[in-house]
PDB file of N, CA and C in Angstrom:
ATOM      1  N   MET A   1     -17.456  24.448  14.845  1.00  0.00           N
ATOM      2  CA  MET A   1     -16.497  23.872  15.793  1.00  0.00           C
ATOM      3  C   MET A   1     -15.043  24.264  15.539  1.00  0.00           C
ATOM      4  N   GLU A   2     -14.348  24.908  16.395  1.00  0.00           N
ATOM      5  CA  GLU A   2     -13.008  25.291  16.177  1.00  0.00           C
ATOM      6  C   GLU A   2     -12.084  24.201  16.229  1.00  0.00           C
ATOM      7  N   LYS A   3     -11.261  24.070  15.201  1.00  0.00           N
ATOM      8  CA  LYS A   3     -10.170  22.976  15.184  1.00  0.00           C
ATOM      9  C   LYS A   3      -8.995  23.400  16.101  1.00  0.00           C
ATOM     10  N   LYS A   4      -8.629  22.596  16.950  1.00  0.00           N
ATOM     11  CA  LYS A   4      -7.512  22.763  17.799  1.00  0.00           C
ATOM     12  C   LYS A   4      -6.155  22.598  16.979  1.00  0.00           C
ATOM     13  N   SER A   5      -5.252  23.432  17.440  1.00  0.00           N
ATOM     14  CA  SER A   5      -3.854  23.192  16.661  1.00  0.00           C
ATOM     15  C   SER A   5      -3.267  21.949  17.224  1.00  0.00           C
ATOM     16  N   GLU A   6      -2.288  21.464  16.501  1.00  0.00           N
ATOM     17  CA  GLU A   6      -1.564  20.241  16.817  1.00  0.00           C
ATOM     18  C   GLU A   6      -0.966  20.165  18.244  1.00  0.00           C
ATOM     19  N   GLU A   7      -0.534  21.403  18.649  1.00  0.00           N
ATOM     20  CA  GLU A   7       0.106  21.378  20.032  1.00  0.00           C
ATOM     21  C   GLU A   7      -0.922  21.200  21.030  1.00  0.00           C
ATOM     22  N   GLU A   8      -2.265  21.792  20.780  1.00  0.00           N
ATOM     23  CA  GLU A   8      -3.156  21.854  21.832  1.00  0.00           C
ATOM     24  C   GLU A   8      -4.018  20.383  21.904  1.00  0.00           C
ATOM     25  N   ASP A   9      -3.888  19.668  20.839  1.00  0.00           N
ATOM     26  CA  ASP A   9      -4.595  18.423  20.728  1.00  0.00           C
ATOM     27  C   ASP A   9      -3.858  17.239  21.428  1.00  0.00           C
ATOM     28  N   PRO A  10      -4.375  16.742  22.634  1.00  0.00           N
ATOM     29  CA  PRO A  10      -3.672  15.740  23.313  1.00  0.00           C
ATOM     30  C   PRO A  10      -3.585  14.452  22.537  1.00  0.00           C
ATOM     31  N   TYR A  11      -4.302  14.343  21.519  1.00  0.00           N
ATOM     32  CA  TYR A  11      -4.230  13.017  20.754  1.00  0.00           C
ATOM     33  C   TYR A  11      -3.178  13.047  19.642  1.00  0.00           C
ATOM     34  N   ARG A  12      -2.348  14.128  19.667  1.00  0.00           N
ATOM     35  CA  ARG A  12      -1.271  14.320  18.752  1.00  0.00           C
ATOM     36  C   ARG A  12       0.037  14.305  19.514  1.00  0.00           C
ATOM     37  N   GLN A  13       0.048  13.830  20.688  1.00  0.00           N
ATOM     38  CA  GLN A  13       1.187  13.912  21.568  1.00  0.00           C
ATOM     39  C   GLN A  13       2.187  12.979  21.128  1.00  0.00           C
ATOM     40  N   PRO A  14       3.404  12.884  21.692  1.00  0.00           N
ATOM     41  CA  PRO A  14       4.427  11.917  21.306  1.00  0.00           C
ATOM     42  C   PRO A  14       3.903  10.443  21.710  1.00  0.00           C
ATOM     43  N   LEU A  15       4.699   9.551  21.183  1.00  0.00           N
ATOM     44  CA  LEU A  15       4.406   8.194  21.445  1.00  0.00           C
ATOM     45  C   LEU A  15       4.495   7.817  22.902  1.00  0.00           C
ATOM     46  N   THR A  16       3.433   7.212  23.520  1.00  0.00           N
ATOM     47  CA  THR A  16       3.482   6.847  24.988  1.00  0.00           C
ATOM     48  C   THR A  16       4.268   5.606  25.110  1.00  0.00           C
ATOM     49  N   ARG A  17       4.621   5.329  26.375  1.00  0.00           N
ATOM     50  CA  ARG A  17       5.394   4.170  26.740  1.00  0.00           C
ATOM     51  C   ARG A  17       4.522   2.903  26.452  1.00  0.00           C
ATOM     52  N   TYR A  18       3.254   2.936  26.643  1.00  0.00           N
ATOM     53  CA  TYR A  18       2.356   1.924  26.361  1.00  0.00           C
ATOM     54  C   TYR A  18       2.224   1.505  24.896  1.00  0.00           C
ATOM     55  N   GLU A  19       2.184   2.595  23.978  1.00  0.00           N
ATOM     56  CA  GLU A  19       2.105   2.270  22.596  1.00  0.00           C
ATOM     57  C   GLU A  19       3.510   1.767  22.176  1.00  0.00           C
ATOM     58  N   ARG A  20       4.510   2.313  22.784  1.00  0.00           N
ATOM     59  CA  ARG A  20       5.842   1.823  22.358  1.00  0.00           C
ATOM     60  C   ARG A  20       5.990   0.293  22.686  1.00  0.00           C
ATOM     61  N   ALA A  21       5.524  -0.121  23.766  1.00  0.00           N
ATOM     62  CA  ALA A  21       5.599  -1.542  24.345  1.00  0.00           C
ATOM     63  C   ALA A  21       4.781  -2.433  23.372  1.00  0.00           C
ATOM     64  N   ARG A  22       3.585  -1.844  23.039  1.00  0.00           N
ATOM     65  CA  ARG A  22       2.645  -2.653  22.193  1.00  0.00           C
ATOM     66  C   ARG A  22       3.260  -2.800  20.789  1.00  0.00           C
ATOM     67  N   ILE A  23       3.821  -1.720  20.299  1.00  0.00           N
ATOM     68  CA  ILE A  23       4.473  -1.844  18.877  1.00  0.00           C
ATOM     69  C   ILE A  23       5.658  -2.927  18.891  1.00  0.00           C
ATOM     70  N   ILE A  24       6.557  -2.608  19.958  1.00  0.00           N
ATOM     71  CA  ILE A  24       7.614  -3.631  20.033  1.00  0.00           C
ATOM     72  C   ILE A  24       7.300  -5.003  20.236  1.00  0.00           C
ATOM     73  N   GLY A  25       6.257  -5.222  21.125  1.00  0.00           N
ATOM     74  CA  GLY A  25       5.896  -6.597  21.226  1.00  0.00           C
ATOM     75  C   GLY A  25       5.151  -7.268  20.093  1.00  0.00           C
ATOM     76  N   GLY A  26       4.342  -6.432  19.384  1.00  0.00           N
ATOM     77  CA  GLY A  26       3.699  -6.880  18.172  1.00  0.00           C
ATOM     78  C   GLY A  26       4.715  -7.151  17.077  1.00  0.00           C
ATOM     79  N   ARG A  27       5.590  -6.376  16.922  1.00  0.00           N
ATOM     80  CA  ARG A  27       6.658  -6.562  15.798  1.00  0.00           C
ATOM     81  C   ARG A  27       7.540  -7.735  16.131  1.00  0.00           C
ATOM     82  N   ALA A  28       7.912  -7.879  17.405  1.00  0.00           N
ATOM     83  CA  ALA A  28       8.816  -8.954  17.864  1.00  0.00           C
ATOM     84  C   ALA A  28       8.122 -10.323  17.620  1.00  0.00           C
ATOM     85  N   LEU A  29       6.797 -10.279  17.793  1.00  0.00           N
ATOM     86  CA  LEU A  29       5.951 -11.531  17.563  1.00  0.00           C
ATOM     87  C   LEU A  29       6.098 -11.828  16.037  1.00  0.00           C
ATOM     88  N   GLN A  30       5.897 -10.845  15.193  1.00  0.00           N
ATOM     89  CA  GLN A  30       5.955 -10.946  13.767  1.00  0.00           C
ATOM     90  C   GLN A  30       7.308 -11.578  13.279  1.00  0.00           C
ATOM     91  N   LEU A  31       8.330 -10.996  13.930  1.00  0.00           N
ATOM     92  CA  LEU A  31       9.656 -11.363  13.558  1.00  0.00           C
ATOM     93  C   LEU A  31       9.974 -12.909  14.011  1.00  0.00           C
ATOM     94  N   ALA A  32       9.463 -13.187  15.223  1.00  0.00           N
ATOM     95  CA  ALA A  32       9.518 -14.627  15.727  1.00  0.00           C
ATOM     96  C   ALA A  32       8.937 -15.579  14.838  1.00  0.00           C
ATOM     97  N   LEU A  33       7.744 -15.152  14.204  1.00  0.00           N
ATOM     98  CA  LEU A  33       6.981 -15.988  13.295  1.00  0.00           C
ATOM     99  C   LEU A  33       7.519 -16.001  11.877  1.00  0.00           C
ATOM    100  N   GLY A  34       8.669 -15.307  11.599  1.00  0.00           N
ATOM    101  CA  GLY A  34       9.266 -15.518  10.226  1.00  0.00           C
ATOM    102  C   GLY A  34       9.184 -14.148   9.445  1.00  0.00           C
ATOM    103  N   ALA A  35       8.716 -13.081   9.968  1.00  0.00           N
ATOM    104  CA  ALA A  35       8.763 -11.801   9.162  1.00  0.00           C
ATOM    105  C   ALA A  35      10.121 -11.392   8.852  1.00  0.00           C
ATOM    106  N   PHE A  36      10.255 -10.721   7.609  1.00  0.00           N
ATOM    107  CA  PHE A  36      11.555 -10.219   7.224  1.00  0.00           C
ATOM    108  C   PHE A  36      11.921  -8.936   8.084  1.00  0.00           C
ATOM    109  N   PRO A  37      13.141  -8.902   8.614  1.00  0.00           N
ATOM    110  CA  PRO A  37      13.575  -7.745   9.438  1.00  0.00           C
ATOM    111  C   PRO A  37      13.830  -6.653   8.516  1.00  0.00           C
ATOM    112  N   LEU A  38      13.539  -5.391   8.941  1.00  0.00           N
ATOM    113  CA  LEU A  38      13.624  -4.167   8.302  1.00  0.00           C
ATOM    114  C   LEU A  38      14.996  -3.449   8.524  1.00  0.00           C
ATOM    115  N   VAL A  39      15.761  -3.951   9.500  1.00  0.00           N
ATOM    116  CA  VAL A  39      17.168  -3.449   9.759  1.00  0.00           C
ATOM    117  C   VAL A  39      18.009  -4.622   9.832  1.00  0.00           C
ATOM    118  N   GLU A  40      19.343  -4.289   9.839  1.00  0.00           N
ATOM    119  CA  GLU A  40      20.315  -5.322   9.835  1.00  0.00           C
ATOM    120  C   GLU A  40      20.310  -6.160  11.060  1.00  0.00           C
ATOM    121  N   VAL A  41      20.369  -7.473  10.978  1.00  0.00           N
ATOM    122  CA  VAL A  41      20.408  -8.251  12.164  1.00  0.00           C
ATOM    123  C   VAL A  41      21.686  -8.652  12.547  1.00  0.00           C
ATOM    124  N   ARG A  42      22.031  -8.414  13.761  1.00  0.00           N
ATOM    125  CA  ARG A  42      23.417  -8.740  14.294  1.00  0.00           C
ATOM    126  C   ARG A  42      23.310 -10.197  14.986  1.00  0.00           C
ATOM    127  N   PRO A  43      24.486 -10.804  15.041  1.00  0.00           N
ATOM    128  CA  PRO A  43      24.579 -12.053  15.734  1.00  0.00           C
ATOM    129  C   PRO A  43      24.054 -11.941  17.229  1.00  0.00           C
ATOM    130  N   GLY A  44      23.276 -12.849  17.641  1.00  0.00           N
ATOM    131  CA  GLY A  44      22.778 -12.827  19.096  1.00  0.00           C
ATOM    132  C   GLY A  44      21.524 -11.952  19.352  1.00  0.00           C
ATOM    133  N   ASP A  45      21.058 -11.203  18.271  1.00  0.00           N
ATOM    134  CA  ASP A  45      19.872 -10.341  18.450  1.00  0.00           C
ATOM    135  C   ASP A  45      18.711 -11.208  18.713  1.00  0.00           C
ATOM    136  N   THR A  46      17.790 -10.787  19.605  1.00  0.00           N
ATOM    137  CA  THR A  46      16.467 -11.279  19.728  1.00  0.00           C
ATOM    138  C   THR A  46      15.450 -10.563  18.985  1.00  0.00           C
ATOM    139  N   PRO A  47      14.281 -11.192  18.742  1.00  0.00           N
ATOM    140  CA  PRO A  47      13.225 -10.483  18.090  1.00  0.00           C
ATOM    141  C   PRO A  47      12.933  -9.048  18.649  1.00  0.00           C
ATOM    142  N   ILE A  48      12.982  -8.966  20.049  1.00  0.00           N
ATOM    143  CA  ILE A  48      12.758  -7.712  20.676  1.00  0.00           C
ATOM    144  C   ILE A  48      13.739  -6.805  20.380  1.00  0.00           C
ATOM    145  N   ASP A  49      15.077  -7.305  20.355  1.00  0.00           N
ATOM    146  CA  ASP A  49      16.216  -6.259  19.983  1.00  0.00           C
ATOM    147  C   ASP A  49      16.029  -5.755  18.595  1.00  0.00           C
ATOM    148  N   ILE A  50      15.660  -6.529  17.679  1.00  0.00           N
ATOM    149  CA  ILE A  50      15.410  -6.181  16.218  1.00  0.00           C
ATOM    150  C   ILE A  50      14.197  -5.173  16.182  1.00  0.00           C
ATOM    151  N   ALA A  51      13.100  -5.496  16.850  1.00  0.00           N
ATOM    152  CA  ALA A  51      11.912  -4.594  16.906  1.00  0.00           C
ATOM    153  C   ALA A  51      12.196  -3.226  17.403  1.00  0.00           C
ATOM    154  N   GLU A  52      13.068  -3.114  18.560  1.00  0.00           N
ATOM    155  CA  GLU A  52      13.485  -1.930  19.054  1.00  0.00           C
ATOM    156  C   GLU A  52      14.304  -1.118  18.188  1.00  0.00           C
ATOM    157  N   ARG A  53      15.190  -1.729  17.434  1.00  0.00           N
ATOM    158  CA  ARG A  53      15.976  -0.992  16.401  1.00  0.00           C
ATOM    159  C   ARG A  53      15.217  -0.501  15.222  1.00  0.00           C
ATOM    160  N   GLU A  54      14.126  -1.252  14.865  1.00  0.00           N
ATOM    161  CA  GLU A  54      13.300  -0.937  13.751  1.00  0.00           C
ATOM    162  C   GLU A  54      12.479   0.304  14.104  1.00  0.00           C
ATOM    163  N   LEU A  55      12.037   0.268  15.469  1.00  0.00           N
ATOM    164  CA  LEU A  55      11.232   1.464  15.880  1.00  0.00           C
ATOM    165  C   LEU A  55      12.065   2.743  15.943  1.00  0.00           C
ATOM    166  N   GLU A  56      13.329   2.495  16.516  1.00  0.00           N
ATOM    167  CA  GLU A  56      14.151   3.719  16.614  1.00  0.00           C
ATOM    168  C   GLU A  56      14.624   4.198  15.211  1.00  0.00           C
ATOM    169  N   ALA A  57      14.759   3.319  14.195  1.00  0.00           N
ATOM    170  CA  ALA A  57      15.230   3.751  12.938  1.00  0.00           C
ATOM    171  C   ALA A  57      14.081   4.347  12.104  1.00  0.00           C
ATOM    172  N   GLY A  58      12.762   4.205  12.524  1.00  0.00           N
ATOM    173  CA  GLY A  58      11.501   4.792  11.991  1.00  0.00           C
ATOM    174  C   GLY A  58      11.203   4.165  10.648  1.00  0.00           C
ATOM    175  N   VAL A  59      11.427   2.743  10.611  1.00  0.00           N
ATOM    176  CA  VAL A  59      11.195   2.081   9.431  1.00  0.00           C
ATOM    177  C   VAL A  59       9.941   1.303   9.392  1.00  0.00           C
ATOM    178  N   LEU A  60       9.158   1.271  10.565  1.00  0.00           N
ATOM    179  CA  LEU A  60       8.006   0.519  10.605  1.00  0.00           C
ATOM    180  C   LEU A  60       6.793   1.337  10.068  1.00  0.00           C
ATOM    181  N   PRO A  61       6.048   0.790   9.153  1.00  0.00           N
ATOM    182  CA  PRO A  61       4.946   1.501   8.581  1.00  0.00           C
ATOM    183  C   PRO A  61       3.572   1.091   9.361  1.00  0.00           C
ATOM    184  N   ILE A  62       3.592   1.760  10.527  1.00  0.00           N
ATOM    185  CA  ILE A  62       2.472   1.583  11.470  1.00  0.00           C
ATOM    186  C   ILE A  62       1.682   2.856  11.589  1.00  0.00           C
ATOM    187  N   ILE A  63       0.376   2.677  11.844  1.00  0.00           N
ATOM    188  CA  ILE A  63      -0.425   3.786  12.093  1.00  0.00           C
ATOM    189  C   ILE A  63      -1.133   3.451  13.585  1.00  0.00           C
ATOM    190  N   ILE A  64      -0.935   4.557  14.443  1.00  0.00           N
ATOM    191  CA  ILE A  64      -1.544   4.343  15.805  1.00  0.00           C
ATOM    192  C   ILE A  64      -3.010   4.945  15.976  1.00  0.00           C
ATOM    193  N   ARG A  65      -3.957   4.130  16.315  1.00  0.00           N
ATOM    194  CA  ARG A  65      -5.259   4.641  16.405  1.00  0.00           C
ATOM    195  C   ARG A  65      -5.497   5.061  17.847  1.00  0.00           C
ATOM    196  N   ARG A  66      -5.795   6.410  18.065  1.00  0.00           N
ATOM    197  CA  ARG A  66      -5.977   6.898  19.392  1.00  0.00           C
ATOM    198  C   ARG A  66      -7.487   7.172  19.513  1.00  0.00           C
ATOM    199  N   ARG A  67      -8.116   6.691  20.589  1.00  0.00           N
ATOM    200  CA  ARG A  67      -9.523   6.898  20.746  1.00  0.00           C
ATOM    201  C   ARG A  67      -9.808   8.118  21.549  1.00  0.00           C
ATOM    202  N   ARG A  68     -10.883   8.872  21.246  1.00  0.00           N
ATOM    203  CA  ARG A  68     -11.224  10.137  22.015  1.00  0.00           C
ATOM    204  C   ARG A  68     -12.329   9.721  23.014  1.00  0.00           C
ATOM    205  N   PRO A  69     -12.486  10.605  23.995  1.00  0.00           N
ATOM    206  CA  PRO A  69     -13.559  10.281  24.963  1.00  0.00           C
ATOM    207  C   PRO A  69     -14.962  10.254  24.425  1.00  0.00           C
ATOM    208  N   ASP A  70     -15.245  10.862  23.146  1.00  0.00           N
ATOM    209  CA  ASP A  70     -16.567  10.769  22.733  1.00  0.00           C
ATOM    210  C   ASP A  70     -16.715   9.568  21.719  1.00  0.00           C
ATOM    211  N   GLY A  71     -15.743   8.778  21.711  1.00  0.00           N
ATOM    212  CA  GLY A  71     -15.922   7.402  21.051  1.00  0.00           C
ATOM    213  C   GLY A  71     -15.236   7.472  19.613  1.00  0.00           C
ATOM    214  N   SER A  72     -15.003   8.752  19.173  1.00  0.00           N
ATOM    215  CA  SER A  72     -14.348   8.758  17.912  1.00  0.00           C
ATOM    216  C   SER A  72     -12.782   8.452  17.906  1.00  0.00           C
ATOM    217  N   TYR A  73     -12.222   8.463  16.926  1.00  0.00           N
ATOM    218  CA  TYR A  73     -10.733   8.106  17.009  1.00  0.00           C
ATOM    219  C   TYR A  73      -9.865   8.965  15.879  1.00  0.00           C
ATOM    220  N   ILE A  74      -8.720   8.992  16.146  1.00  0.00           N
ATOM    221  CA  ILE A  74      -7.758   9.668  15.209  1.00  0.00           C
ATOM    222  C   ILE A  74      -6.633   8.603  14.921  1.00  0.00           C
ATOM    223  N   ASP A  75      -6.314   8.572  13.647  1.00  0.00           N
ATOM    224  CA  ASP A  75      -5.237   7.788  13.226  1.00  0.00           C
ATOM    225  C   ASP A  75      -3.921   8.658  12.946  1.00  0.00           C
ATOM    226  N   VAL A  76      -2.958   8.264  13.627  1.00  0.00           N
ATOM    227  CA  VAL A  76      -1.728   8.946  13.559  1.00  0.00           C
ATOM    228  C   VAL A  76      -0.521   8.216  13.128  1.00  0.00           C
ATOM    229  N   PRO A  77       0.124   8.444  12.004  1.00  0.00           N
ATOM    230  CA  PRO A  77       1.236   7.657  11.547  1.00  0.00           C
ATOM    231  C   PRO A  77       2.375   7.768  12.583  1.00  0.00           C
ATOM    232  N   LEU A  78       2.974   6.512  12.771  1.00  0.00           N
ATOM    233  CA  LEU A  78       4.053   6.307  13.803  1.00  0.00           C
ATOM    234  C   LEU A  78       5.197   7.346  13.473  1.00  0.00           C
ATOM    235  N   LYS A  79       5.426   7.676  12.193  1.00  0.00           N
ATOM    236  CA  LYS A  79       6.519   8.515  11.829  1.00  0.00           C
ATOM    237  C   LYS A  79       6.343   9.795  12.424  1.00  0.00           C
ATOM    238  N   ASP A  80       5.022  10.383  12.524  1.00  0.00           N
ATOM    239  CA  ASP A  80       4.757  11.650  13.048  1.00  0.00           C
ATOM    240  C   ASP A  80       5.024  11.612  14.624  1.00  0.00           C
ATOM    241  N   LEU A  81       4.700  10.567  15.328  1.00  0.00           N
ATOM    242  CA  LEU A  81       4.880  10.543  16.679  1.00  0.00           C
ATOM    243  C   LEU A  81       6.341  10.429  16.999  1.00  0.00           C
ATOM    244  N   MET A  82       7.120   9.720  16.259  1.00  0.00           N
ATOM    245  CA  MET A  82       8.568   9.638  16.431  1.00  0.00           C
ATOM    246  C   MET A  82       9.219  11.011  16.296  1.00  0.00           C
ATOM    247  N   GLU A  83       8.809  11.841  15.249  1.00  0.00           N
ATOM    248  CA  GLU A  83       9.353  13.082  14.978  1.00  0.00           C
ATOM    249  C   GLU A  83       9.030  13.950  16.148  1.00  0.00           C
ATOM    250  N   LYS A  84       7.892  13.969  16.811  1.00  0.00           N
ATOM    251  CA  LYS A  84       7.518  14.832  17.944  1.00  0.00           C
ATOM    252  C   LYS A  84       8.452  14.337  19.138  1.00  0.00           C
ATOM    253  N   LEU A  85       8.756  13.008  19.254  1.00  0.00           N
ATOM    254  CA  LEU A  85       9.529  12.551  20.388  1.00  0.00           C
ATOM    255  C   LEU A  85      10.897  13.164  20.195  1.00  0.00           C
ATOM    256  N   GLU A  86      11.483  13.186  18.940  1.00  0.00           N
ATOM    257  CA  GLU A  86      12.771  13.660  18.740  1.00  0.00           C
ATOM    258  C   GLU A  86      12.904  15.073  18.913  1.00  0.00           C
ATOM    259  N   GLN A  87      11.821  15.852  18.683  1.00  0.00           N
ATOM    260  CA  GLN A  87      11.755  17.351  18.973  1.00  0.00           C
ATOM    261  C   GLN A  87      11.893  17.639  20.425  1.00  0.00           C
ATOM    262  N   ARG A  88      11.281  16.737  21.213  1.00  0.00           N
ATOM    263  CA  ARG A  88      11.296  16.969  22.649  1.00  0.00           C
ATOM    264  C   ARG A  88      12.630  16.754  23.265  1.00  0.00           C
ATOM    265  N   ALA A  89      13.432  15.859  22.570  1.00  0.00           N
ATOM    266  CA  ALA A  89      14.779  15.420  23.301  1.00  0.00           C
ATOM    267  C   ALA A  89      15.870  16.528  23.122  1.00  0.00           C
TER     268      ALA A  89
END
């Protein structure tokens, strides 16, 4: 079986808006429950504001699991997806 290059593999595409929403929501919940913020907290910041800044700063140690149609999956580090997103901009 021939291995597809990274550009051809749809499971190595940039972070989707749904994944972004899931990451921000999950991290905001952690922050609301007392998790230590990984970026500087400004007065008036909500957990969602902090989670968004953490995501943009690339400091979240998260791995995205993307399922394939055949039932298998691929684990992609968030850092890789954010780099692809920056390259597109």
